[in-house]
Structures are given as C-alpha cells and as structure tokens.
Amino acid sequence: MIKGPITLARFSDTARGDAGRYGRFWLYGDYVRELLEAQYSNLALIKQISQQWAICDDWGDKGLLSLMDIPPGGAAPAVWGAAKFQPKVFDAAKRETTHSYEGGALQLIIPVVDTDRNRNPAMAALVARKLVTADLQSHPSRCLENPWVTAQRNRGRNI
C-alpha cells in the first residue's frame, strides 16, 4: 500500500490525450521534482525518465504528465520493483535498433486499469491533475507537490 499524502507521476504520449492518464505504471512525483530542481531541461528530463524507467520510444513522446494525488489517510494498493530493461524501440517494424534503456529505477504498479484496460473508478478518481511536460520547467515544486501539503504550507504549518 502507498499511503498519503503523496503525489505519484505518470508520463504518457501526447497523441493519447486523456487515455494515457489511466495506466498502471507510476513513479514518485518527488523524483521528477528532484530532476527538475537539478536543472534538467525538458529534453534531458524525458531522456532520464526513459532511461531509468525503460520507457520505449514507440510507447510515446512523454509529452503529458498525469499526477495521482493520494490524500492524507488515503491509500492505493501497489506493488513495486525495479523497472526492467527494455529495447529503445518495442516494435521493430517501426524502427530497428540494438540500443536499449537500462531501467533499474523504482516503479510502482497501481491498478488504475486492469489487464483488460477497464478503469478502477476509485483509483482513476485520484488521477485529477494533468500537465504538459514542457510546462514543468516554470514551477516544478508547485506542479508536483501534493495539494494537501501545499494547503498546509499556505496555512503556515511546517510539513
């Protein structure tokens, strides 16, 4: 179980729009914020995410970012493990390559959708925010912070 308050992130393909928001594979939003605060550009961020989470190039451009906000007292069922090595191109018919993404980063698998692509309404309801990845550069902390934590900070509470 992943317990809140916490924000999780999922990159998806611009062409998939809202359909890409409801996948099973997630990563910690704080990790994305750390990359941005280390001055990674958008392109460098996408390359780093692709490398560590082994997201094949033909699975999308990673141009959209969905955020799952688990509130305090809330939880989401999850299994986690290291992202497995993947070739850079999953569909060899599109482009052959011998290059690969190494993976190795912590990946969370959360049943927002099942193997038949049916949405779990309770989990899908937690996926309320979406951003264009390019917009992250302007305000990474504000974009990636759990709204509950932001509200507490605005009330003068040190979280």
Protein backbone atom coordinates (compact mmCIF):
# COMPACT_ATOMS: atom_id res chain seq x y z
CA MET A 1 0.00 0.00 0.00
CA ILE A 2 1.10 3.54 -0.78
CA LYS A 3 -0.27 5.87 1.91
CA GLY A 4 -0.98 9.57 1.52
CA PRO A 5 -0.33 12.34 1.41
CA ILE A 6 1.78 11.68 -1.65
CA THR A 7 1.84 12.54 -5.33
CA LEU A 8 2.71 9.97 -7.98
CA ALA A 9 3.53 10.73 -11.61
CA ARG A 10 2.96 9.05 -14.96
CA PHE A 11 4.29 10.21 -18.33
CA SER A 12 2.29 9.39 -21.45
CA ASP A 13 2.08 10.16 -25.14
CA THR A 14 0.64 13.48 -26.29
CA ALA A 15 -1.36 11.72 -29.02
CA ARG A 16 -3.14 9.51 -26.46
CA GLY A 17 -4.51 12.50 -24.54
CA ASP A 18 -6.67 11.55 -21.57
CA ALA A 19 -6.46 7.84 -22.41
CA GLY A 20 -2.78 7.86 -21.40
CA ARG A 21 -3.58 9.13 -17.91
CA TYR A 22 -5.02 5.88 -16.65
CA GLY A 23 -2.20 3.38 -16.84
CA ARG A 24 -0.75 1.03 -14.24
CA PHE A 25 2.86 2.20 -14.16
CA TRP A 26 3.74 5.14 -11.86
CA LEU A 27 6.76 6.78 -10.26
CA TYR A 28 7.21 9.09 -7.29
CA GLY A 29 6.45 12.75 -8.08
CA ASP A 30 9.26 13.82 -5.75
CA TYR A 31 11.79 12.13 -8.01
CA VAL A 32 10.59 14.14 -11.01
CA ARG A 33 10.81 17.31 -8.91
CA GLU A 34 14.39 16.45 -7.91
CA LEU A 35 15.38 16.08 -11.57
CA LEU A 36 13.86 19.44 -12.41
CA GLU A 37 15.43 21.16 -9.43
CA ALA A 38 18.78 19.76 -10.63
CA GLN A 39 18.23 21.93 -13.73
CA TYR A 40 17.33 19.17 -16.18
CA SER A 41 15.82 20.63 -19.34
CA ASN A 42 12.60 19.11 -20.70
CA LEU A 43 14.51 17.00 -23.21
CA ALA A 44 17.03 15.86 -20.59
CA LEU A 45 14.17 15.06 -18.19
CA ILE A 46 12.44 12.89 -20.79
CA LYS A 47 15.71 11.12 -21.63
CA GLN A 48 16.39 10.45 -17.93
CA ILE A 49 12.84 9.19 -17.33
CA SER A 50 13.10 6.96 -20.43
CA GLN A 51 16.45 5.57 -19.30
CA GLN A 52 15.60 4.85 -15.67
CA TRP A 53 12.04 3.62 -16.19
CA ALA A 54 12.83 1.91 -19.51
CA ILE A 55 10.02 3.56 -21.44
CA CYS A 56 10.38 2.56 -25.09
CA ASP A 57 10.41 5.38 -27.64
CA ASP A 58 7.44 3.98 -29.54
CA TRP A 59 5.32 3.91 -26.37
CA GLY A 60 5.05 7.68 -26.60
CA ASP A 61 6.71 11.06 -26.51
CA LYS A 62 6.22 11.53 -22.73
CA GLY A 63 4.73 14.93 -23.52
CA LEU A 64 1.93 14.62 -20.97
CA LEU A 65 2.28 14.17 -17.23
CA SER A 66 -0.56 12.87 -15.07
CA LEU A 67 -0.48 13.21 -11.32
CA MET A 68 -2.15 10.93 -8.81
CA ASP A 69 -2.71 12.71 -5.51
CA ILE A 70 -3.32 10.36 -2.60
CA PRO A 71 -4.79 12.39 0.28
CA PRO A 72 -3.89 12.06 3.97
CA GLY A 73 -5.49 8.92 5.34
CA GLY A 74 -5.91 7.61 1.80
CA ALA A 75 -4.05 4.71 0.27
CA ALA A 76 -3.60 2.96 -3.05
CA PRO A 77 -2.78 -0.72 -3.49
CA ALA A 78 0.60 -1.06 -5.15
CA VAL A 79 3.40 -3.43 -5.94
CA TRP A 80 6.81 -2.08 -6.69
CA GLY A 81 10.09 -3.17 -8.06
CA ALA A 82 12.86 -2.13 -10.38
CA ALA A 83 11.86 -1.19 -13.92
CA LYS A 84 13.09 -3.90 -16.27
CA PHE A 85 15.49 -3.36 -19.19
CA GLN A 86 13.69 -2.56 -22.46
CA PRO A 87 14.84 -2.02 -26.03
CA LYS A 88 14.55 1.62 -27.09
CA VAL A 89 12.10 0.51 -29.77
CA PHE A 90 9.50 -2.06 -28.78
CA ASP A 91 8.04 -2.55 -32.27
CA ALA A 92 10.92 -3.50 -34.58
CA ALA A 93 8.60 -2.95 -37.57
CA LYS A 94 8.71 0.79 -36.81
CA ARG A 95 12.49 1.07 -36.49
CA GLU A 96 15.18 -1.49 -35.78
CA THR A 97 17.71 -0.75 -33.09
CA THR A 98 20.14 -2.59 -30.88
CA HIS A 99 20.08 0.19 -28.28
CA SER A 100 18.20 -0.18 -25.03
CA TYR A 101 17.10 1.61 -21.88
CA GLU A 102 18.65 0.14 -18.77
CA GLY A 103 15.77 0.64 -16.31
CA GLY A 104 16.53 -0.05 -12.68
CA ALA A 105 14.50 2.78 -11.08
CA LEU A 106 11.71 2.09 -8.61
CA GLN A 107 8.46 1.56 -10.46
CA LEU A 108 5.03 1.38 -8.86
CA ILE A 109 2.26 -0.73 -10.35
CA ILE A 110 -1.13 0.55 -9.24
CA PRO A 111 -4.41 -0.95 -10.54
CA VAL A 112 -5.84 2.21 -12.10
CA VAL A 113 -6.71 -0.06 -15.01
CA ASP A 114 -6.76 -3.83 -15.16
CA THR A 115 -5.22 -6.02 -17.85
CA ASP A 116 -8.38 -5.60 -19.97
CA ARG A 117 -7.96 -1.77 -19.75
CA ASN A 118 -11.03 -1.37 -17.51
CA ARG A 119 -10.71 1.59 -15.15
CA ASN A 120 -10.95 1.22 -11.40
CA PRO A 121 -13.20 4.21 -10.56
CA ALA A 122 -11.71 4.77 -7.09
CA MET A 123 -8.12 4.79 -8.39
CA ALA A 124 -8.97 6.80 -11.52
CA ALA A 125 -10.57 9.48 -9.33
CA LEU A 126 -7.17 10.10 -7.71
CA VAL A 127 -5.71 10.99 -11.12
CA ALA A 128 -7.11 14.50 -11.12
CA ARG A 129 -4.24 16.63 -12.43
CA LYS A 130 -2.57 16.64 -15.83
CA LEU A 131 0.14 18.83 -17.28
CA VAL A 132 2.04 19.28 -20.48
CA THR A 133 5.56 18.08 -19.65
CA ALA A 134 7.08 21.26 -21.11
CA ASP A 135 5.17 23.34 -18.51
CA LEU A 136 7.11 21.72 -15.65
CA GLN A 137 10.14 23.95 -16.16
CA SER A 138 8.39 27.06 -14.88
CA HIS A 139 7.18 25.77 -11.49
CA PRO A 140 8.38 22.21 -10.71
CA SER A 141 7.68 22.33 -6.98
CA ARG A 142 4.24 23.83 -7.37
CA CYS A 143 3.29 21.40 -10.14
CA LEU A 144 4.47 18.26 -8.40
CA GLU A 145 3.61 18.89 -4.76
CA ASN A 146 0.60 17.14 -3.24
CA PRO A 147 -2.23 19.72 -2.96
CA TRP A 148 -2.81 18.82 0.71
CA VAL A 149 0.83 19.61 1.52
CA THR A 150 0.57 22.93 -0.35
CA ALA A 151 -2.60 23.85 1.58
CA GLN A 152 -0.91 23.08 4.90
CA ARG A 153 2.12 25.18 3.99
CA ASN A 154 -0.15 28.07 2.94
CA ARG A 155 -1.77 27.90 6.38
CA GLY A 156 1.66 28.34 7.97
CA ARG A 157 2.09 24.73 9.01
CA ASN A 158 5.52 23.21 8.51
CA ILE A 159 5.06 19.82 6.84
